[in-house]
Protein backbone atom coordinates (compact mmCIF):
# COMPACT_ATOMS: atom_id res chain seq x y z
CA MET A 1 28.23 22.48 -4.77
CA GLU A 2 27.91 24.19 -1.21
CA ARG A 3 26.55 27.80 -1.63
CA ARG A 4 25.77 28.77 2.16
CA PRO A 5 28.84 30.71 2.88
CA HIS A 6 28.27 33.19 -0.13
CA ILE A 7 24.62 33.37 0.67
CA ASN A 8 25.26 34.53 4.01
CA LYS A 9 27.68 37.11 3.04
CA LEU A 10 25.53 38.34 0.14
CA LYS A 11 22.44 38.68 2.38
CA GLN A 12 24.57 40.60 4.89
CA LEU A 13 26.01 42.98 2.25
CA ALA A 14 22.26 43.60 0.67
CA GLY A 15 21.12 44.33 4.35
CA LEU A 16 23.90 47.02 4.42
CA LEU A 17 22.88 48.27 1.00
CA GLN A 18 19.31 48.89 2.16
CA ASP A 19 19.26 52.78 3.03
CA GLN A 20 20.78 53.20 -0.23
CA LEU A 21 18.47 51.27 -1.92
CA VAL A 22 15.59 53.23 -0.50
CA ASP A 23 17.13 56.44 -1.36
CA TRP A 24 17.62 55.61 -5.23
CA ARG A 25 14.17 54.07 -5.23
CA ARG A 26 12.53 57.14 -3.69
CA HIS A 27 14.55 59.45 -6.33
CA LEU A 28 13.38 57.37 -9.16
CA HIS A 29 9.76 57.33 -7.95
CA SER A 30 9.57 60.97 -7.36
CA TRP A 31 10.92 61.92 -10.98
CA PRO A 32 9.19 59.42 -13.30
CA GLU A 33 9.12 59.90 -16.96
CA LEU A 34 7.03 58.41 -19.75
CA SER A 35 7.89 55.82 -22.36
CA PHE A 36 10.93 56.80 -24.53
CA GLN A 37 11.51 60.17 -22.62
CA GLU A 38 13.48 58.80 -19.74
CA GLU A 39 16.59 61.13 -20.05
CA ASN A 40 16.87 62.19 -16.65
CA THR A 41 16.00 58.74 -15.18
CA SER A 42 19.03 57.47 -17.53
CA ALA A 43 21.25 60.16 -16.40
CA PHE A 44 20.69 59.18 -12.61
CA ILE A 45 21.68 55.64 -13.31
CA GLN A 46 24.56 56.61 -15.42
CA LYS A 47 25.95 58.79 -12.38
CA ILE A 48 25.57 55.89 -10.09
CA LEU A 49 27.17 53.43 -12.58
CA LEU A 50 29.93 55.77 -13.00
CA LYS A 51 30.40 56.26 -9.21
CA TYR A 52 30.98 52.34 -8.87
CA GLY A 53 33.42 52.28 -11.88
CA MET A 54 30.96 50.16 -14.28
CA GLU A 55 31.48 50.24 -17.86
CA PHE A 56 28.49 50.86 -20.09
CA GLN A 57 27.20 52.28 -23.22
CA THR A 58 24.28 54.86 -23.65
CA GLY A 59 21.57 55.58 -26.28
CA LYS A 60 19.98 52.40 -27.02
CA ALA A 61 16.49 52.97 -27.89
CA GLN A 62 17.12 56.71 -27.18
CA HIS A 63 17.88 56.53 -23.54
CA GLY A 64 18.79 52.96 -22.85
CA ILE A 65 21.81 51.59 -21.00
CA VAL A 66 23.82 48.42 -21.48
CA GLY A 67 27.23 47.55 -19.71
CA THR A 68 29.09 44.60 -18.57
CA LEU A 69 30.57 43.35 -15.38
CA LYS A 70 33.27 40.89 -15.12
CA GLY A 71 33.68 38.22 -12.46
CA GLY A 72 36.56 37.34 -10.67
CA ARG A 73 37.37 34.02 -12.42
CA GLN A 74 37.40 33.33 -16.32
CA SER A 75 34.81 31.39 -17.92
CA ASP A 76 32.42 31.93 -21.16
CA ARG A 77 29.33 32.46 -18.93
CA VAL A 78 27.49 35.43 -20.18
CA ILE A 79 24.35 36.15 -18.23
CA ALA A 80 22.09 39.27 -18.78
CA LEU A 81 19.95 41.11 -16.29
CA ARG A 82 17.34 43.59 -17.39
CA ALA A 83 15.19 46.39 -15.85
CA ASP A 84 12.75 48.66 -17.51
CA MET A 85 12.80 52.52 -16.79
CA ASP A 86 9.53 54.09 -18.04
CA ALA A 87 6.39 55.20 -15.99
CA LEU A 88 2.77 55.61 -16.91
CA PRO A 89 0.51 58.52 -17.61
CA ILE A 90 -1.19 58.33 -14.25
CA GLN A 91 -1.77 61.04 -11.46
CA GLU A 92 -0.27 59.68 -8.40
CA MET A 93 -2.88 59.80 -5.15
CA ASN A 94 -0.41 58.80 -2.51
CA SER A 95 0.68 61.24 0.06
CA CYS A 96 4.41 60.05 0.94
CA SER A 97 7.28 62.14 0.85
CA TYR A 98 8.45 60.64 -2.28
CA VAL A 99 5.36 61.06 -4.44
CA SER A 100 5.63 62.14 -7.92
CA LYS A 101 6.90 65.60 -8.72
CA ASN A 102 5.95 65.23 -12.51
CA GLU A 103 2.37 66.02 -13.04
CA GLY A 104 0.17 63.19 -14.43
CA VAL A 105 3.26 60.82 -14.49
CA MET A 106 3.69 58.10 -11.84
CA HIS A 107 5.97 54.84 -11.33
CA ALA A 108 2.71 52.90 -10.82
CA CYS A 109 4.06 49.59 -12.35
CA GLY A 110 7.05 49.27 -10.18
CA HIS A 111 9.69 50.20 -12.78
CA ASP A 112 11.24 52.40 -10.13
CA VAL A 113 11.70 49.16 -8.17
CA HIS A 114 12.85 47.13 -10.82
CA MET A 115 15.79 49.87 -11.68
CA THR A 116 16.63 49.83 -7.95
CA TRP A 117 16.91 46.15 -7.95
CA LEU A 118 19.10 45.81 -10.83
CA LEU A 119 21.40 48.83 -9.56
CA GLY A 120 21.51 47.03 -6.16
CA ALA A 121 22.29 43.28 -7.88
CA LEU A 122 25.26 45.08 -9.83
CA VAL A 123 26.69 46.70 -6.70
CA LEU A 124 26.39 43.17 -4.81
CA LEU A 125 28.17 41.54 -7.99
CA GLN A 126 30.85 43.86 -7.66
CA GLN A 127 31.24 43.59 -4.01
CA MET A 128 31.53 39.74 -4.48
CA GLN A 129 33.45 39.82 -7.78
CA SER A 130 35.76 37.10 -6.51
CA GLN A 131 33.09 34.69 -6.05
CA TRP A 132 31.59 34.18 -9.41
CA SER A 133 32.84 33.85 -13.17
CA GLY A 134 32.22 35.09 -16.46
CA VAL A 135 30.36 38.20 -17.58
CA VAL A 136 27.07 40.07 -16.30
CA LYS A 137 25.44 42.12 -19.09
CA PHE A 138 23.17 44.51 -17.68
CA ILE A 139 20.30 46.22 -19.56
CA PHE A 140 18.38 49.30 -18.41
CA GLN A 141 15.44 49.38 -20.84
CA PRO A 142 13.14 52.24 -21.83
CA GLY A 143 9.72 52.15 -23.40
CA GLU A 144 8.26 48.95 -21.80
CA GLU A 145 4.90 50.37 -21.61
CA LYS A 146 4.50 51.87 -25.13
CA LEU A 147 4.48 49.94 -28.32
CA PRO A 148 6.64 48.91 -30.05
CA GLY A 149 8.40 48.25 -26.88
CA GLY A 150 11.81 49.36 -26.02
CA ALA A 151 12.95 45.83 -26.05
CA SER A 152 12.32 45.27 -29.68
CA VAL A 153 14.18 48.45 -30.30
CA MET A 154 17.09 47.49 -28.12
CA ILE A 155 17.43 44.23 -29.73
CA ARG A 156 17.24 45.68 -33.33
CA GLU A 157 20.09 48.10 -32.14
CA GLY A 158 22.32 45.01 -31.12
CA VAL A 159 21.67 44.72 -27.32
CA LEU A 160 22.13 41.18 -27.54
CA ASP A 161 25.35 41.13 -29.29
CA ASN A 162 28.96 41.51 -28.20
CA PRO A 163 28.79 39.58 -26.06
CA ARG A 164 25.65 37.39 -26.69
CA PRO A 165 24.00 36.31 -23.30
CA GLN A 166 23.45 32.70 -22.91
CA LEU A 167 20.51 33.60 -20.44
CA ILE A 168 18.70 36.85 -19.72
CA ILE A 169 16.97 37.34 -16.39
CA GLY A 170 14.12 39.97 -15.26
CA GLN A 171 11.91 40.37 -12.44
CA HIS A 172 8.75 42.19 -11.83
CA VAL A 173 6.79 43.42 -8.52
CA GLN A 174 4.06 41.15 -7.44
CA PRO A 175 1.20 42.83 -5.44
CA GLY A 176 -0.49 40.39 -3.07
CA MET A 177 2.61 38.45 -2.72
CA ALA A 178 4.39 38.66 0.70
CA THR A 179 7.82 40.50 0.81
CA GLY A 180 10.42 37.97 0.62
CA VAL A 181 8.45 35.49 -1.41
CA ILE A 182 9.00 34.93 -5.20
CA GLY A 183 6.98 33.02 -8.10
CA MET A 184 8.17 31.37 -11.17
CA LYS A 185 6.60 29.46 -13.97
CA ALA A 186 8.36 27.30 -16.59
CA GLY A 187 7.48 27.45 -20.29
CA GLN A 188 4.65 29.84 -21.51
CA PHE A 189 4.17 32.42 -18.77
CA MET A 190 2.58 35.69 -20.35
CA ALA A 191 0.45 36.26 -23.16
CA SER A 192 0.69 38.30 -26.38
CA CYS A 193 -0.78 41.66 -26.81
CA ASP A 194 -2.35 43.04 -29.79
CA GLU A 195 -4.61 46.25 -30.13
CA LEU A 196 -7.99 46.07 -32.10
CA TYR A 197 -9.51 49.21 -33.88
CA ILE A 198 -12.84 48.29 -35.75
CA ASP A 199 -14.53 50.95 -37.58
CA ILE A 200 -18.04 49.95 -38.53
CA ILE A 201 -19.79 52.16 -41.02
CA GLY A 202 -23.45 51.86 -41.80
CA LYS A 203 -26.26 54.60 -42.94
CA GLY A 204 -27.38 56.98 -40.14
CA GLY A 205 -30.84 58.52 -40.05
CA HIS A 206 -33.76 59.37 -38.02
CA ALA A 207 -34.44 56.36 -35.46
CA ALA A 208 -38.06 56.45 -36.06
CA LEU A 209 -37.26 55.40 -39.65
CA ALA A 210 -34.76 52.73 -38.63
CA HIS A 211 -35.80 50.70 -41.84
CA LEU A 212 -34.14 53.53 -43.97
CA CYS A 213 -30.84 53.18 -42.22
CA VAL A 214 -28.02 50.77 -41.75
CA ASP A 215 -27.52 50.61 -38.06
CA PRO A 216 -24.03 50.56 -36.89
CA ILE A 217 -24.99 50.02 -33.47
CA LEU A 218 -26.58 46.66 -34.26
CA MET A 219 -23.46 45.62 -36.31
CA ALA A 220 -21.20 46.30 -33.64
CA SER A 221 -23.43 44.54 -30.95
CA GLU A 222 -23.59 41.46 -33.29
CA ILE A 223 -19.78 41.72 -33.78
CA ILE A 224 -18.87 41.75 -30.04
CA LEU A 225 -21.10 38.65 -29.43
CA ALA A 226 -19.80 36.97 -32.37
CA LEU A 227 -16.20 37.58 -31.36
CA ARG A 228 -16.83 36.23 -27.89
CA LYS A 229 -18.23 33.20 -29.63
CA LEU A 230 -15.08 33.00 -31.59
CA VAL A 231 -12.87 33.18 -28.23
CA ASN A 232 -15.06 30.40 -26.66
CA GLU A 233 -14.55 28.22 -29.63
CA ASN A 234 -10.82 28.54 -29.78
CA HIS A 235 -10.05 28.74 -25.76
CA THR A 236 -8.64 25.93 -24.14
CA ASP A 237 -6.92 25.51 -20.64
CA GLU A 238 -3.57 24.97 -22.46
CA ASN A 239 -4.12 28.06 -24.84
CA PRO A 240 -6.13 30.53 -23.14
CA ILE A 241 -7.54 33.50 -25.12
CA VAL A 242 -8.80 37.02 -24.04
CA LEU A 243 -10.59 39.44 -26.34
CA SER A 244 -12.05 42.49 -24.82
CA ILE A 245 -13.61 45.54 -26.15
CA GLY A 246 -12.67 48.43 -23.91
CA LYS A 247 -14.31 51.29 -25.97
CA PHE A 248 -17.60 51.48 -27.85
CA ASN A 249 -18.20 54.94 -29.48
CA SER A 250 -20.46 56.29 -32.28
CA THR A 251 -20.72 59.41 -34.10
CA GLY A 252 -23.89 61.61 -33.75
CA GLY A 253 -25.29 62.49 -30.31
CA ALA A 254 -29.10 62.31 -29.98
CA THR A 255 -31.48 59.91 -28.49
CA ASN A 256 -33.51 59.84 -31.95
CA VAL A 257 -30.49 59.47 -34.17
CA ILE A 258 -29.00 56.44 -35.64
CA PRO A 259 -25.35 57.28 -36.35
CA GLU A 260 -23.40 57.02 -39.26
CA GLN A 261 -20.37 55.06 -37.77
CA VAL A 262 -19.27 53.16 -34.40
CA LYS A 263 -15.78 52.69 -33.34
CA LEU A 264 -14.68 49.48 -31.31
CA GLU A 265 -11.34 49.37 -29.66
CA GLY A 266 -10.08 46.29 -27.65
CA THR A 267 -7.30 44.03 -26.67
CA PHE A 268 -6.50 40.65 -28.00
CA ARG A 269 -4.20 38.24 -25.80
CA CYS A 270 -3.03 34.66 -26.50
CA LEU A 271 -0.35 32.42 -25.55
CA ASN A 272 0.09 30.24 -28.76
CA GLU A 273 1.72 32.22 -31.35
CA GLU A 274 0.32 30.16 -34.19
CA LEU A 275 -3.22 30.52 -32.82
CA ARG A 276 -2.57 34.17 -32.42
CA TYR A 277 -2.09 34.83 -36.05
CA LYS A 278 -4.96 32.44 -37.08
CA LEU A 279 -7.52 34.18 -35.03
CA HIS A 280 -6.25 37.62 -36.43
CA THR A 281 -7.58 36.27 -39.86
CA GLU A 282 -10.94 35.01 -38.23
CA ILE A 283 -11.28 38.16 -36.35
CA ARG A 284 -11.65 40.14 -39.54
CA LYS A 285 -13.73 37.70 -41.43
CA VAL A 286 -16.35 37.83 -38.35
CA VAL A 287 -16.39 41.45 -38.70
CA GLN A 288 -16.67 41.63 -42.34
CA ALA A 289 -19.57 38.80 -42.68
CA ILE A 290 -21.57 40.68 -40.21
CA CYS A 291 -21.20 44.09 -41.64
CA THR A 292 -21.94 42.67 -45.22
CA GLU A 293 -25.16 41.05 -43.87
CA TYR A 294 -26.67 44.36 -42.73
CA GLY A 295 -25.33 46.25 -45.75
CA GLY A 296 -22.69 48.21 -43.90
CA HIS A 297 -18.82 47.72 -44.27
CA ALA A 298 -15.95 47.80 -41.95
CA LYS A 299 -12.09 48.44 -41.43
CA VAL A 300 -10.24 46.30 -39.14
CA GLN A 301 -7.08 47.36 -38.00
CA ILE A 302 -4.96 44.92 -35.50
CA ASP A 303 -1.55 46.70 -34.17
CA LEU A 304 0.81 43.91 -33.27
CA GLY A 305 1.88 44.38 -29.76
CA TYR A 306 4.20 42.04 -27.70
CA PRO A 307 4.58 38.34 -28.24
CA SER A 308 4.00 35.72 -25.68
CA LEU A 309 6.54 35.25 -22.90
CA LEU A 310 8.35 32.08 -23.07
CA ASN A 311 10.33 31.11 -19.75
CA ASP A 312 13.21 28.56 -20.94
CA VAL A 313 12.06 25.50 -19.05
CA ARG A 314 15.65 24.33 -17.88
CA ALA A 315 16.79 27.58 -16.80
CA THR A 316 13.52 28.60 -14.89
CA GLN A 317 13.57 25.15 -12.89
CA GLN A 318 17.23 25.72 -12.31
CA CYS A 319 16.57 29.34 -11.01
CA ALA A 320 13.74 28.31 -8.94
CA GLU A 321 15.93 25.55 -7.30
CA LEU A 322 18.55 28.34 -6.59
CA ALA A 323 15.92 30.68 -5.12
CA ARG A 324 14.65 27.93 -2.89
CA HIS A 325 18.19 27.50 -1.70
CA PHE A 326 18.58 31.19 -1.09
CA LEU A 327 15.17 32.10 0.19
CA GLY A 328 13.82 28.99 1.70
CA ASP A 329 11.58 26.62 0.08
CA GLU A 330 8.40 28.02 1.43
CA GLN A 331 9.50 31.23 -0.01
CA VAL A 332 9.08 30.21 -3.67
CA GLU A 333 5.76 29.80 -5.36
CA ASN A 334 4.75 27.99 -8.57
CA LEU A 335 2.82 30.54 -10.62
CA SER A 336 -0.08 30.09 -13.14
CA THR A 337 -0.05 31.59 -16.63
CA ARG A 338 -0.92 35.29 -16.79
CA MET A 339 -2.74 36.97 -19.63
CA THR A 340 -0.98 40.30 -18.95
CA SER A 341 2.10 41.29 -21.28
CA GLU A 342 5.63 42.33 -21.02
CA ASP A 343 7.98 43.21 -23.71
CA PHE A 344 10.60 41.19 -21.74
CA ALA A 345 9.00 38.56 -24.28
CA TYR A 346 10.98 39.97 -27.12
CA TYR A 347 14.03 38.70 -25.32
CA SER A 348 12.74 35.34 -24.61
CA ARG A 349 12.25 34.87 -28.34
CA GLU A 350 15.81 35.46 -29.22
CA ILE A 351 17.74 33.74 -26.30
CA PRO A 352 16.90 31.46 -23.29
CA ALA A 353 15.01 33.92 -20.69
CA VAL A 354 13.84 33.58 -17.21
CA PHE A 355 11.05 36.05 -15.86
CA TYR A 356 9.69 35.90 -12.58
CA ARG A 357 7.59 37.86 -9.93
CA THR A 358 8.90 39.22 -6.64
CA GLY A 359 6.41 40.01 -3.67
CA ILE A 360 6.11 43.66 -2.53
CA GLY A 361 4.02 43.17 0.58
CA ARG A 362 1.18 45.41 -0.65
CA GLU A 363 -2.28 44.54 -2.04
CA VAL A 364 -2.85 47.66 -4.25
CA SER A 365 -2.47 46.46 -8.08
CA VAL A 366 -0.16 47.97 -10.52
CA HIS A 367 -1.52 50.63 -12.84
CA ASN A 368 -3.48 52.12 -9.73
CA PRO A 369 -2.78 55.80 -8.29
CA HIS A 370 -2.36 54.26 -5.08
CA PHE A 371 0.45 51.80 -5.91
CA ASP A 372 3.24 51.55 -3.65
CA VAL A 373 5.60 48.92 -2.11
CA ASP A 374 7.07 47.68 1.32
CA GLU A 375 10.62 48.95 0.81
CA LYS A 376 12.16 45.76 2.66
CA CYS A 377 11.63 44.23 -0.84
CA LEU A 378 14.50 46.12 -2.06
CA PRO A 379 17.38 44.26 -0.68
CA VAL A 380 15.53 40.93 -1.27
CA GLY A 381 14.99 41.52 -5.03
CA ALA A 382 18.57 43.02 -5.31
CA ALA A 383 20.42 39.95 -3.48
CA LEU A 384 18.25 37.36 -5.45
CA MET A 385 18.80 38.89 -8.61
CA ALA A 386 22.62 38.82 -7.83
CA PHE A 387 22.47 35.40 -6.59
CA LEU A 388 20.95 33.87 -9.72
CA ALA A 389 23.42 35.72 -11.89
CA MET A 390 26.33 34.29 -9.92
CA SER A 391 25.06 30.86 -9.58
CA VAL A 392 23.00 29.81 -12.77
CA GLU A 393 24.54 27.69 -15.27
CA PRO A 394 23.22 28.23 -18.70
CA ALA A 395 22.87 25.19 -21.00
C-alpha cells in the first residue's frame, strides 16, 4: 500500500503545529505535579481536548483522562495511545524561561514531552480523519513514577474496556539519541522493579567487647555479598538480573558502638517473571540463613513493583517497518534490553503493546535536575505516533 502522499501531508501539518506544541510543552514543564496529584495538569489537557471537540472522560486513577477519536472510515480497529502525566520530586537547576515554578518538583523524565506528543498526535489524527479507519483510544495516565503505578489503577478502573484496544502504543524520551531518531525492541524490553527492605537485628554493645555482641553490620555485609553471589549464579544474557543496595543505615552513632540494628534498602530487577518470584524466595532464604548463623534475625519486606515490559513481537516489527517508511531507514535503531522499568508494562501484560524510545537531541539523563530536550523532537514524536495509529494493522 502506498503511504507516501499522506506521509508528506502529515509531516507538513506537524511542522505547522510546532509553535503550538512548544507552547503546550513549556506550560506543562513550568507547572509540574507529583504522582497522583496532577489536578492542574489534567485540567490543562482537558481544556485543549475541549477546544478541539474531542470526547473524553475524567477521574480515572483520580486525575486520568481517557477518550476516543473516530476515523473517517468504518472498521473494527481500536488502537490505544498512552502518555504519562506526573513529575518527580527534584529541584530543577535549569535557567530557561519555562523552568519549573513548583518548588522541588520537576518534569525530569520527559512526561511533559510525552503529553505534548499525544496531544499533537490527536490533533493530527483529527486533521487527517478521512485518511484512517477505526477508533483511536487515548489515555493520559497519572502516577507512573510511584507505586502501585497509575497504569495498574486505570486498568482496574476499566480503561481498557468499552472499547477494548487491540494494541496499545507508548513512547518515551531518549537522551543520547539524536532528534528524529527512534529505537524499538521486540519482545522483552524493560525489567520488573521490586523494592527491598531488610531489617537486620542483632545485639548491640561496646565495640571493644565485640565477642559479647551480635554484630548486625557484619551480618549486613555478608548478606550483601551473598545476594551478589545469588545474582551471579542466576544471571544470563537472556535473563539479566539487577540487585542493588542503595541504602545501608545503622542505629547508634559512635565509633565504639556496635549497633542493635541495620536497615538495608535496594532494588531488584528482572526480565523473567517466573525467575523474579523464585528469587524473591531465595533472597529471603539467604538473609535468614546468615542471620541465624550469627545468632541474629531479620525482617525481609519485598514490595512488588512493575512487571517486566513485553513488546508484542509482531506489532513491534510492523511498527518498526512503518517508522522506517516514515522517518527513513537510518532513523530507526534496534535497541537492547533495558533494566529500567515502566508501568506501561501493566498494559503490555493485558493486551499487545509497543513501547519505543524517541530521540530528544540532548545528552543529560532523565531524573537529572538539568534535564531538557531539543524541542524539534515535538513534531517528530507527535507525527510518528499519529502515523502508527493510522497505519498499524493489529492481529
